[in-house]
Amino acid sequence: MSYPFDCISDLIFVETEIKSADIILVPGGSHPQLMEMAAELFKQGLAPYILPSGHFNPKIPEYSSEWEYLKSIGVNLGIPEERILKEDKARHTFENAELSLEVIKENKLSIKKAILICKAFHSRRALLTYQAMFPKDIEFYVASVPDNRDIKKDNWFLDDKKIRLVMGEVVKIGKYFETYIKQFYQENK
């Protein structure tokens, strides 16, 4: 069935084919599904490193950062600690991307392809942000996962809370990128 708001679904929810890459990027969060997906793809041999990102999150107060929380999940799932890179200062998606790129440079990693793992309803904003902050020649594959609220492309419009979260992403995309669009255009002419 077709809905007049299908264009919003297509804008917000991104998922691409996943191919071998140089790194798996996880832009923070308090949802274990993010690292579970990263561990699954790592174990399939799709990338040699996982880079979770994120500072303190009051939703997980027993951990000093989202990074520590996500790392603990990865280690418990059998990912070797030395394959989980550290970025524990980012407070929002732009910083997740910016500071993750710094970690990649500090580790002298050559990145041409990256798998980006994010909540399904955060996938467009995360992808746009990483594309904006990373070198233009990096190819991104997006693996989106539903979080504990099970927000997906085919159900977000069935519940008031899900509608509010998805429409909040529409607003955030506008706020995040309004000031950057002209700058990105000028830099990439």
N, C-alpha and C. Protein backbone atom coordinates (compact mmCIF):
# COMPACT_ATOMS: atom_id res chain seq x y z
N MET A 1 0.83 -1.18 0.00
CA MET A 1 0.00 0.00 0.00
C MET A 1 0.88 1.24 0.00
N SER A 2 0.44 2.22 -0.69
CA SER A 2 1.17 3.49 -0.80
C SER A 2 0.54 4.54 0.11
N TYR A 3 1.41 5.34 0.75
CA TYR A 3 0.95 6.40 1.64
C TYR A 3 1.53 7.73 1.18
N PRO A 4 0.87 8.84 1.47
CA PRO A 4 1.41 10.14 1.08
C PRO A 4 2.72 10.48 1.81
N PHE A 5 3.00 9.80 2.90
CA PHE A 5 4.23 10.07 3.66
C PHE A 5 5.34 9.06 3.35
N ASP A 6 5.20 8.29 2.28
CA ASP A 6 6.26 7.35 1.89
C ASP A 6 7.57 8.07 1.62
N CYS A 7 7.49 9.31 1.15
CA CYS A 7 8.71 10.08 0.89
C CYS A 7 9.49 10.32 2.19
N ILE A 8 8.79 10.45 3.30
CA ILE A 8 9.46 10.60 4.60
C ILE A 8 10.15 9.29 4.97
N SER A 9 9.47 8.18 4.77
CA SER A 9 10.07 6.87 5.03
C SER A 9 11.34 6.69 4.20
N ASP A 10 11.25 7.05 2.91
CA ASP A 10 12.41 6.90 2.02
C ASP A 10 13.55 7.83 2.41
N LEU A 11 13.22 9.01 2.92
CA LEU A 11 14.25 9.95 3.36
C LEU A 11 14.95 9.44 4.61
N ILE A 12 14.21 9.05 5.60
CA ILE A 12 14.76 8.75 6.92
C ILE A 12 15.44 7.38 7.00
N PHE A 13 14.86 6.37 6.42
CA PHE A 13 15.35 5.00 6.59
C PHE A 13 16.25 4.59 5.43
N VAL A 14 17.53 4.39 5.76
CA VAL A 14 18.52 4.00 4.75
C VAL A 14 19.08 2.63 5.11
N GLU A 15 19.15 1.78 4.14
CA GLU A 15 19.86 0.52 4.31
C GLU A 15 20.40 0.16 2.94
N THR A 16 21.67 -0.18 2.90
CA THR A 16 22.31 -0.52 1.64
C THR A 16 22.81 -1.96 1.69
N GLU A 17 23.24 -2.43 0.56
CA GLU A 17 23.94 -3.71 0.53
C GLU A 17 25.21 -3.55 1.34
N ILE A 18 25.55 -4.56 2.11
CA ILE A 18 26.76 -4.52 2.93
C ILE A 18 27.84 -5.33 2.22
N LYS A 19 28.98 -4.68 2.02
CA LYS A 19 30.13 -5.33 1.37
C LYS A 19 31.34 -5.21 2.28
N SER A 20 32.40 -5.93 1.93
CA SER A 20 33.64 -5.83 2.69
C SER A 20 34.10 -4.39 2.76
N ALA A 21 34.62 -4.01 3.94
CA ALA A 21 35.03 -2.64 4.17
C ALA A 21 36.31 -2.63 5.01
N ASP A 22 36.81 -1.43 5.26
CA ASP A 22 38.03 -1.27 6.04
C ASP A 22 37.75 -1.07 7.52
N ILE A 23 36.51 -0.70 7.85
CA ILE A 23 36.16 -0.43 9.25
C ILE A 23 34.64 -0.46 9.41
N ILE A 24 34.21 -0.77 10.62
CA ILE A 24 32.80 -0.69 10.99
C ILE A 24 32.67 0.47 11.97
N LEU A 25 31.83 1.43 11.65
CA LEU A 25 31.63 2.61 12.49
C LEU A 25 30.28 2.51 13.20
N VAL A 26 30.29 2.80 14.50
CA VAL A 26 29.06 2.76 15.29
C VAL A 26 28.94 4.11 16.01
N PRO A 27 28.08 5.00 15.51
CA PRO A 27 27.96 6.34 16.11
C PRO A 27 27.17 6.36 17.41
N GLY A 28 27.69 5.71 18.42
CA GLY A 28 27.16 5.81 19.77
C GLY A 28 25.76 5.28 19.98
N GLY A 29 25.34 5.32 21.23
CA GLY A 29 24.00 4.90 21.57
C GLY A 29 23.99 3.97 22.77
N SER A 30 22.80 3.77 23.30
CA SER A 30 22.61 2.92 24.47
C SER A 30 21.87 1.64 24.12
N HIS A 31 21.83 1.31 22.85
CA HIS A 31 21.08 0.15 22.39
C HIS A 31 22.06 -0.96 21.99
N PRO A 32 21.98 -2.12 22.64
CA PRO A 32 22.93 -3.21 22.37
C PRO A 32 22.89 -3.72 20.93
N GLN A 33 21.75 -3.53 20.25
CA GLN A 33 21.62 -4.03 18.89
C GLN A 33 22.70 -3.46 17.95
N LEU A 34 23.16 -2.25 18.25
CA LEU A 34 24.19 -1.63 17.42
C LEU A 34 25.47 -2.46 17.42
N MET A 35 25.95 -2.80 18.60
CA MET A 35 27.19 -3.56 18.69
C MET A 35 26.98 -5.02 18.34
N GLU A 36 25.79 -5.53 18.58
CA GLU A 36 25.50 -6.91 18.17
C GLU A 36 25.62 -7.04 16.65
N MET A 37 25.09 -6.06 15.93
CA MET A 37 25.22 -6.07 14.47
C MET A 37 26.69 -5.91 14.06
N ALA A 38 27.41 -5.01 14.72
CA ALA A 38 28.83 -4.81 14.41
C ALA A 38 29.61 -6.10 14.62
N ALA A 39 29.34 -6.79 15.72
CA ALA A 39 30.04 -8.05 16.01
C ALA A 39 29.71 -9.11 14.96
N GLU A 40 28.46 -9.16 14.57
CA GLU A 40 28.04 -10.13 13.55
C GLU A 40 28.79 -9.89 12.24
N LEU A 41 28.85 -8.64 11.81
CA LEU A 41 29.55 -8.32 10.55
C LEU A 41 31.05 -8.54 10.68
N PHE A 42 31.62 -8.21 11.83
CA PHE A 42 33.04 -8.45 12.08
C PHE A 42 33.34 -9.94 11.97
N LYS A 43 32.53 -10.76 12.61
CA LYS A 43 32.74 -12.21 12.59
C LYS A 43 32.57 -12.80 11.19
N GLN A 44 31.81 -12.13 10.35
CA GLN A 44 31.67 -12.56 8.96
C GLN A 44 32.90 -12.16 8.14
N GLY A 45 33.82 -11.43 8.75
CA GLY A 45 35.04 -11.02 8.06
C GLY A 45 34.84 -9.81 7.16
N LEU A 46 33.81 -9.00 7.42
CA LEU A 46 33.53 -7.88 6.53
C LEU A 46 34.37 -6.63 6.81
N ALA A 47 35.05 -6.59 7.97
CA ALA A 47 35.94 -5.47 8.28
C ALA A 47 36.87 -5.89 9.42
N PRO A 48 38.11 -5.37 9.43
CA PRO A 48 39.07 -5.77 10.47
C PRO A 48 38.97 -4.98 11.78
N TYR A 49 38.25 -3.86 11.78
CA TYR A 49 38.15 -3.02 12.98
C TYR A 49 36.71 -2.57 13.18
N ILE A 50 36.39 -2.34 14.47
CA ILE A 50 35.12 -1.72 14.84
C ILE A 50 35.47 -0.46 15.63
N LEU A 51 34.81 0.66 15.28
CA LEU A 51 35.04 1.91 15.99
C LEU A 51 33.72 2.45 16.53
N PRO A 52 33.37 2.05 17.78
CA PRO A 52 32.23 2.66 18.43
C PRO A 52 32.62 4.06 18.90
N SER A 53 31.64 4.93 19.03
CA SER A 53 31.92 6.31 19.40
C SER A 53 30.87 6.79 20.39
N GLY A 54 31.30 7.57 21.37
CA GLY A 54 30.31 8.19 22.24
C GLY A 54 30.79 8.43 23.65
N HIS A 55 30.38 9.56 24.20
CA HIS A 55 30.72 10.03 25.54
C HIS A 55 29.71 9.47 26.54
N PHE A 56 29.69 10.02 27.73
CA PHE A 56 28.77 9.58 28.79
C PHE A 56 27.32 9.71 28.34
N ASN A 57 26.52 8.73 28.72
CA ASN A 57 25.10 8.73 28.40
C ASN A 57 24.34 8.38 29.68
N PRO A 58 23.48 9.27 30.19
CA PRO A 58 22.77 8.99 31.44
C PRO A 58 21.84 7.78 31.37
N LYS A 59 21.53 7.29 30.18
CA LYS A 59 20.70 6.09 30.05
C LYS A 59 21.47 4.83 30.44
N ILE A 60 22.80 4.93 30.46
CA ILE A 60 23.65 3.80 30.86
C ILE A 60 24.67 4.29 31.90
N PRO A 61 24.19 4.71 33.08
CA PRO A 61 25.05 5.36 34.07
C PRO A 61 26.14 4.47 34.65
N GLU A 62 26.01 3.17 34.51
CA GLU A 62 27.04 2.28 35.03
C GLU A 62 28.30 2.23 34.14
N TYR A 63 28.25 2.92 33.02
CA TYR A 63 29.40 3.00 32.10
C TYR A 63 29.86 4.44 31.99
N SER A 64 31.16 4.64 31.84
CA SER A 64 31.69 6.00 31.74
C SER A 64 31.40 6.64 30.39
N SER A 65 31.06 5.81 29.39
CA SER A 65 30.78 6.34 28.05
C SER A 65 30.00 5.32 27.23
N GLU A 66 29.39 5.81 26.16
CA GLU A 66 28.75 4.89 25.21
C GLU A 66 29.79 3.95 24.63
N TRP A 67 31.00 4.49 24.38
CA TRP A 67 32.07 3.65 23.85
C TRP A 67 32.35 2.47 24.78
N GLU A 68 32.48 2.73 26.08
CA GLU A 68 32.78 1.66 27.03
C GLU A 68 31.65 0.61 27.03
N TYR A 69 30.42 1.08 26.99
CA TYR A 69 29.26 0.19 26.95
C TYR A 69 29.30 -0.68 25.70
N LEU A 70 29.49 -0.05 24.54
CA LEU A 70 29.49 -0.79 23.28
C LEU A 70 30.69 -1.74 23.22
N LYS A 71 31.83 -1.29 23.69
CA LYS A 71 33.02 -2.16 23.72
C LYS A 71 32.75 -3.39 24.56
N SER A 72 32.15 -3.22 25.73
CA SER A 72 31.89 -4.37 26.61
C SER A 72 30.98 -5.39 25.92
N ILE A 73 30.02 -4.92 25.17
CA ILE A 73 29.15 -5.83 24.42
C ILE A 73 29.97 -6.58 23.38
N GLY A 74 30.80 -5.84 22.64
CA GLY A 74 31.64 -6.47 21.62
C GLY A 74 32.56 -7.52 22.19
N VAL A 75 33.23 -7.20 23.28
CA VAL A 75 34.15 -8.16 23.92
C VAL A 75 33.37 -9.39 24.39
N ASN A 76 32.20 -9.17 25.00
CA ASN A 76 31.38 -10.30 25.44
C ASN A 76 30.91 -11.16 24.28
N LEU A 77 30.85 -10.59 23.10
CA LEU A 77 30.46 -11.35 21.91
C LEU A 77 31.65 -11.96 21.18
N GLY A 78 32.84 -11.81 21.79
CA GLY A 78 34.02 -12.47 21.23
C GLY A 78 34.89 -11.63 20.32
N ILE A 79 34.66 -10.33 20.27
CA ILE A 79 35.52 -9.47 19.44
C ILE A 79 36.80 -9.18 20.22
N PRO A 80 37.98 -9.42 19.63
CA PRO A 80 39.23 -9.11 20.33
C PRO A 80 39.32 -7.62 20.65
N GLU A 81 39.74 -7.31 21.89
CA GLU A 81 39.81 -5.91 22.32
C GLU A 81 40.63 -5.05 21.39
N GLU A 82 41.71 -5.59 20.86
CA GLU A 82 42.59 -4.79 20.00
C GLU A 82 41.95 -4.45 18.65
N ARG A 83 40.83 -5.05 18.35
CA ARG A 83 40.11 -4.75 17.10
C ARG A 83 39.00 -3.72 17.31
N ILE A 84 38.82 -3.29 18.56
CA ILE A 84 37.82 -2.28 18.89
C ILE A 84 38.56 -0.98 19.20
N LEU A 85 38.50 -0.04 18.29
CA LEU A 85 39.18 1.24 18.46
C LEU A 85 38.37 2.12 19.41
N LYS A 86 39.03 3.15 19.97
CA LYS A 86 38.40 3.94 21.03
C LYS A 86 38.13 5.38 20.63
N GLU A 87 36.88 5.79 20.79
CA GLU A 87 36.49 7.20 20.69
C GLU A 87 35.40 7.40 21.74
N ASP A 88 35.75 8.09 22.84
CA ASP A 88 34.81 8.20 23.95
C ASP A 88 34.50 9.64 24.35
N LYS A 89 34.65 10.58 23.42
CA LYS A 89 34.41 11.99 23.75
C LYS A 89 33.22 12.61 23.02
N ALA A 90 32.74 11.97 21.97
CA ALA A 90 31.68 12.54 21.14
C ALA A 90 30.36 12.64 21.90
N ARG A 91 29.70 13.81 21.76
CA ARG A 91 28.43 14.06 22.44
C ARG A 91 27.24 14.10 21.49
N HIS A 92 27.49 14.10 20.19
CA HIS A 92 26.41 14.10 19.20
C HIS A 92 26.94 13.55 17.88
N THR A 93 26.08 13.41 16.92
CA THR A 93 26.44 12.71 15.68
C THR A 93 27.58 13.38 14.93
N PHE A 94 27.58 14.70 14.86
CA PHE A 94 28.70 15.36 14.17
C PHE A 94 30.02 15.03 14.86
N GLU A 95 30.04 15.06 16.18
CA GLU A 95 31.27 14.71 16.90
C GLU A 95 31.61 13.23 16.74
N ASN A 96 30.59 12.36 16.69
CA ASN A 96 30.86 10.95 16.43
C ASN A 96 31.68 10.81 15.15
N ALA A 97 31.25 11.49 14.10
CA ALA A 97 31.94 11.41 12.82
C ALA A 97 33.31 12.08 12.88
N GLU A 98 33.33 13.30 13.35
CA GLU A 98 34.57 14.08 13.39
C GLU A 98 35.65 13.39 14.24
N LEU A 99 35.29 12.97 15.43
CA LEU A 99 36.27 12.35 16.33
C LEU A 99 36.64 10.93 15.89
N SER A 100 35.73 10.23 15.26
CA SER A 100 36.06 8.91 14.71
C SER A 100 37.10 9.05 13.60
N LEU A 101 36.94 10.07 12.78
CA LEU A 101 37.93 10.31 11.72
C LEU A 101 39.30 10.60 12.33
N GLU A 102 39.34 11.35 13.42
CA GLU A 102 40.62 11.61 14.11
C GLU A 102 41.25 10.31 14.59
N VAL A 103 40.46 9.41 15.15
CA VAL A 103 40.97 8.12 15.63
C VAL A 103 41.54 7.32 14.45
N ILE A 104 40.84 7.33 13.35
CA ILE A 104 41.32 6.62 12.15
C ILE A 104 42.66 7.17 11.71
N LYS A 105 42.79 8.50 11.68
CA LYS A 105 44.05 9.13 11.30
C LYS A 105 45.16 8.81 12.30
N GLU A 106 44.86 8.90 13.60
CA GLU A 106 45.85 8.60 14.64
C GLU A 106 46.37 7.17 14.52
N ASN A 107 45.51 6.25 14.11
CA ASN A 107 45.90 4.85 13.95
C ASN A 107 46.47 4.55 12.56
N LYS A 108 46.59 5.60 11.74
CA LYS A 108 47.16 5.50 10.40
C LYS A 108 46.49 4.41 9.56
N LEU A 109 45.16 4.38 9.66
CA LEU A 109 44.39 3.41 8.88
C LEU A 109 44.02 4.03 7.53
N SER A 110 44.11 3.23 6.51
CA SER A 110 43.68 3.66 5.18
C SER A 110 42.24 3.18 4.99
N ILE A 111 41.33 4.12 4.90
CA ILE A 111 39.91 3.79 4.81
C ILE A 111 39.37 4.25 3.46
N LYS A 112 38.88 3.30 2.69
CA LYS A 112 38.22 3.62 1.42
C LYS A 112 36.74 3.23 1.46
N LYS A 113 36.43 2.24 2.33
CA LYS A 113 35.05 1.78 2.47
C LYS A 113 34.76 1.59 3.95
N ALA A 114 33.56 1.99 4.37
CA ALA A 114 33.18 1.88 5.77
C ALA A 114 31.74 1.41 5.89
N ILE A 115 31.52 0.56 6.87
CA ILE A 115 30.16 0.13 7.21
C ILE A 115 29.71 1.00 8.38
N LEU A 116 28.57 1.63 8.23
CA LEU A 116 28.00 2.49 9.26
C LEU A 116 26.80 1.77 9.86
N ILE A 117 26.86 1.52 11.18
CA ILE A 117 25.76 0.83 11.85
C ILE A 117 25.05 1.83 12.74
N CYS A 118 23.75 1.95 12.55
CA CYS A 118 22.99 2.93 13.33
C CYS A 118 21.55 2.46 13.47
N LYS A 119 20.85 3.14 14.38
CA LYS A 119 19.43 2.85 14.54
C LYS A 119 18.74 3.16 13.21
N ALA A 120 17.73 2.38 12.89
CA ALA A 120 17.04 2.53 11.60
C ALA A 120 16.56 3.96 11.37
N PHE A 121 15.94 4.57 12.38
CA PHE A 121 15.39 5.90 12.17
C PHE A 121 16.45 7.01 12.26
N HIS A 122 17.67 6.65 12.56
CA HIS A 122 18.79 7.60 12.62
C HIS A 122 19.70 7.45 11.40
N SER A 123 19.38 6.52 10.53
CA SER A 123 20.30 6.14 9.46
C SER A 123 20.57 7.27 8.45
N ARG A 124 19.59 8.02 8.06
CA ARG A 124 19.84 9.10 7.08
C ARG A 124 20.71 10.19 7.68
N ARG A 125 20.38 10.63 8.88
CA ARG A 125 21.17 11.70 9.49
C ARG A 125 22.60 11.24 9.76
N ALA A 126 22.74 9.99 10.22
CA ALA A 126 24.08 9.46 10.47
C ALA A 126 24.87 9.39 9.16
N LEU A 127 24.26 8.87 8.11
CA LEU A 127 24.96 8.77 6.84
C LEU A 127 25.35 10.14 6.30
N LEU A 128 24.42 11.08 6.30
CA LEU A 128 24.73 12.43 5.83
C LEU A 128 25.88 13.05 6.63
N THR A 129 25.86 12.83 7.92
CA THR A 129 26.89 13.42 8.79
C THR A 129 28.26 12.82 8.51
N TYR A 130 28.33 11.51 8.43
CA TYR A 130 29.62 10.87 8.16
C TYR A 130 30.12 11.22 6.76
N GLN A 131 29.21 11.28 5.79
CA GLN A 131 29.62 11.69 4.44
C GLN A 131 30.15 13.11 4.43
N ALA A 132 29.55 13.98 5.24
CA ALA A 132 29.98 15.37 5.30
C ALA A 132 31.34 15.52 5.97
N MET A 133 31.62 14.72 6.99
CA MET A 133 32.83 14.89 7.79
C MET A 133 34.02 14.08 7.28
N PHE A 134 33.77 12.99 6.58
CA PHE A 134 34.84 12.13 6.09
C PHE A 134 35.26 12.57 4.68
N PRO A 135 36.44 12.15 4.24
CA PRO A 135 36.85 12.46 2.87
C PRO A 135 35.80 11.98 1.85
N LYS A 136 35.67 12.72 0.79
CA LYS A 136 34.60 12.47 -0.18
C LYS A 136 34.74 11.14 -0.93
N ASP A 137 35.96 10.57 -0.95
CA ASP A 137 36.16 9.33 -1.72
C ASP A 137 35.83 8.07 -0.93
N ILE A 138 35.36 8.20 0.31
CA ILE A 138 35.01 7.03 1.11
C ILE A 138 33.60 6.58 0.78
N GLU A 139 33.47 5.29 0.51
CA GLU A 139 32.16 4.70 0.22
C GLU A 139 31.57 4.14 1.51
N PHE A 140 30.32 4.47 1.79
CA PHE A 140 29.66 4.01 3.00
C PHE A 140 28.59 2.99 2.67
N TYR A 141 28.55 1.94 3.47
CA TYR A 141 27.47 0.96 3.45
C TYR A 141 26.73 1.13 4.77
N VAL A 142 25.42 1.12 4.73
CA VAL A 142 24.62 1.37 5.93
C VAL A 142 23.89 0.10 6.35
N ALA A 143 24.16 -0.32 7.59
CA ALA A 143 23.43 -1.42 8.21
C ALA A 143 22.61 -0.81 9.33
N SER A 144 21.34 -0.70 9.12
CA SER A 144 20.49 -0.09 10.14
C SER A 144 19.78 -1.19 10.92
N VAL A 145 19.60 -0.92 12.21
CA VAL A 145 18.96 -1.90 13.08
C VAL A 145 17.84 -1.21 13.86
N PRO A 146 16.74 -1.92 14.07
CA PRO A 146 15.72 -1.36 14.95
C PRO A 146 16.24 -1.41 16.38
N ASP A 147 15.93 -0.39 17.16
CA ASP A 147 16.37 -0.37 18.55
C ASP A 147 15.30 -1.03 19.42
N ASN A 148 15.37 -0.82 20.73
CA ASN A 148 14.40 -1.43 21.65
C ASN A 148 12.96 -1.03 21.37
N ARG A 149 12.79 0.11 20.70
CA ARG A 149 11.44 0.59 20.39
C ARG A 149 10.92 0.01 19.08
N ASP A 150 11.77 -0.74 18.37
CA ASP A 150 11.39 -1.43 17.13
C ASP A 150 10.86 -0.48 16.07
N ILE A 151 11.53 0.66 15.90
CA ILE A 151 11.11 1.64 14.91
C ILE A 151 11.72 1.25 13.56
N LYS A 152 10.85 0.99 12.59
CA LYS A 152 11.28 0.55 11.26
C LYS A 152 10.49 1.30 10.19
N LYS A 153 10.98 1.17 8.97
CA LYS A 153 10.37 1.85 7.83
C LYS A 153 8.90 1.47 7.66
N ASP A 154 8.58 0.23 7.98
CA ASP A 154 7.21 -0.24 7.74
C ASP A 154 6.27 -0.11 8.94
N ASN A 155 6.75 0.50 10.06
CA ASN A 155 5.84 0.60 11.20
C ASN A 155 5.88 1.94 11.94
N TRP A 156 6.78 2.85 11.55
CA TRP A 156 6.94 4.09 12.32
C TRP A 156 5.68 4.92 12.38
N PHE A 157 4.82 4.79 11.42
CA PHE A 157 3.62 5.61 11.31
C PHE A 157 2.42 5.00 12.03
N LEU A 158 2.62 3.93 12.79
CA LEU A 158 1.52 3.24 13.46
C LEU A 158 1.39 3.60 14.94
N ASP A 159 2.32 4.43 15.45
CA ASP A 159 2.36 4.72 16.88
C ASP A 159 2.78 6.17 17.07
N ASP A 160 2.11 6.87 17.97
CA ASP A 160 2.40 8.29 18.18
C ASP A 160 3.85 8.55 18.59
N LYS A 161 4.41 7.73 19.47
CA LYS A 161 5.80 7.94 19.91
C LYS A 161 6.77 7.74 18.75
N LYS A 162 6.52 6.73 17.93
CA LYS A 162 7.39 6.47 16.78
C LYS A 162 7.28 7.60 15.77
N ILE A 163 6.08 8.07 15.54
CA ILE A 163 5.88 9.20 14.62
C ILE A 163 6.67 10.40 15.11
N ARG A 164 6.58 10.68 16.39
CA ARG A 164 7.28 11.84 16.97
C ARG A 164 8.80 11.70 16.79
N LEU A 165 9.35 10.51 17.01
CA LEU A 165 10.79 10.30 16.86
C LEU A 165 11.23 10.45 15.41
N VAL A 166 10.49 9.86 14.50
CA VAL A 166 10.86 9.95 13.09
C VAL A 166 10.73 11.39 12.59
N MET A 167 9.66 12.06 12.94
CA MET A 167 9.51 13.45 12.51
C MET A 167 10.56 14.34 13.17
N GLY A 168 10.98 13.97 14.37
CA GLY A 168 12.10 14.67 15.02
C GLY A 168 13.37 14.53 14.21
N GLU A 169 13.58 13.39 13.58
CA GLU A 169 14.75 13.21 12.71
C GLU A 169 14.66 14.11 11.48
N VAL A 170 13.46 14.28 10.94
CA VAL A 170 13.29 15.18 9.80
C VAL A 170 13.73 16.59 10.21
N VAL A 171 13.29 17.03 11.38
CA VAL A 171 13.66 18.36 11.89
C VAL A 171 15.16 18.44 12.13
N LYS A 172 15.74 17.41 12.75
CA LYS A 172 17.18 17.41 13.04
C LYS A 172 18.00 17.47 11.75
N ILE A 173 17.57 16.77 10.72
CA ILE A 173 18.30 16.83 9.45
C ILE A 173 18.32 18.27 8.96
N GLY A 174 17.17 18.94 9.02
CA GLY A 174 17.11 20.35 8.61
C GLY A 174 18.02 21.22 9.45
N LYS A 175 17.99 21.04 10.77
CA LYS A 175 18.83 21.86 11.65
C LYS A 175 20.30 21.55 11.46
N TYR A 176 20.65 20.27 11.35
CA TYR A 176 22.05 19.88 11.20
C TYR A 176 22.66 20.45 9.92
N PHE A 177 21.91 20.38 8.84
CA PHE A 177 22.53 20.64 7.54
C PHE A 177 22.21 21.99 6.93
N GLU A 178 21.29 22.74 7.50
CA GLU A 178 20.94 24.04 6.94
C GLU A 178 22.18 24.92 6.79
N THR A 179 23.00 24.99 7.81
CA THR A 179 24.17 25.88 7.75
C THR A 179 25.32 25.29 6.95
N TYR A 180 25.27 24.00 6.67
CA TYR A 180 26.40 23.35 6.00
C TYR A 180 26.20 23.17 4.50
N ILE A 181 24.98 23.23 4.02
CA ILE A 181 24.72 22.91 2.61
C ILE A 181 25.53 23.79 1.67
N LYS A 182 25.46 25.09 1.86
CA LYS A 182 26.20 25.99 0.98
C LYS A 182 27.71 25.75 1.11
N GLN A 183 28.17 25.56 2.34
CA GLN A 183 29.59 25.30 2.58
C GLN A 183 30.03 24.02 1.85
N PHE A 184 29.26 22.93 1.96
CA PHE A 184 29.60 21.69 1.29
C PHE A 184 29.60 21.88 -0.23
N TYR A 185 28.64 22.63 -0.71
CA TYR A 185 28.57 22.88 -2.15
C TYR A 185 29.83 23.62 -2.61
N GLN A 186 30.20 24.69 -1.89
CA GLN A 186 31.37 25.48 -2.27
C GLN A 186 32.64 24.64 -2.26
N GLU A 187 32.78 23.75 -1.25
CA GLU A 187 33.97 22.92 -1.12
C GLU A 187 34.05 21.84 -2.20
N ASN A 188 32.93 21.48 -2.77
CA ASN A 188 32.90 20.34 -3.70
C ASN A 188 32.55 20.71 -5.12
N LYS A 189 32.66 22.01 -5.46
CA LYS A 189 32.37 22.44 -6.84
C LYS A 189 33.40 21.90 -7.78
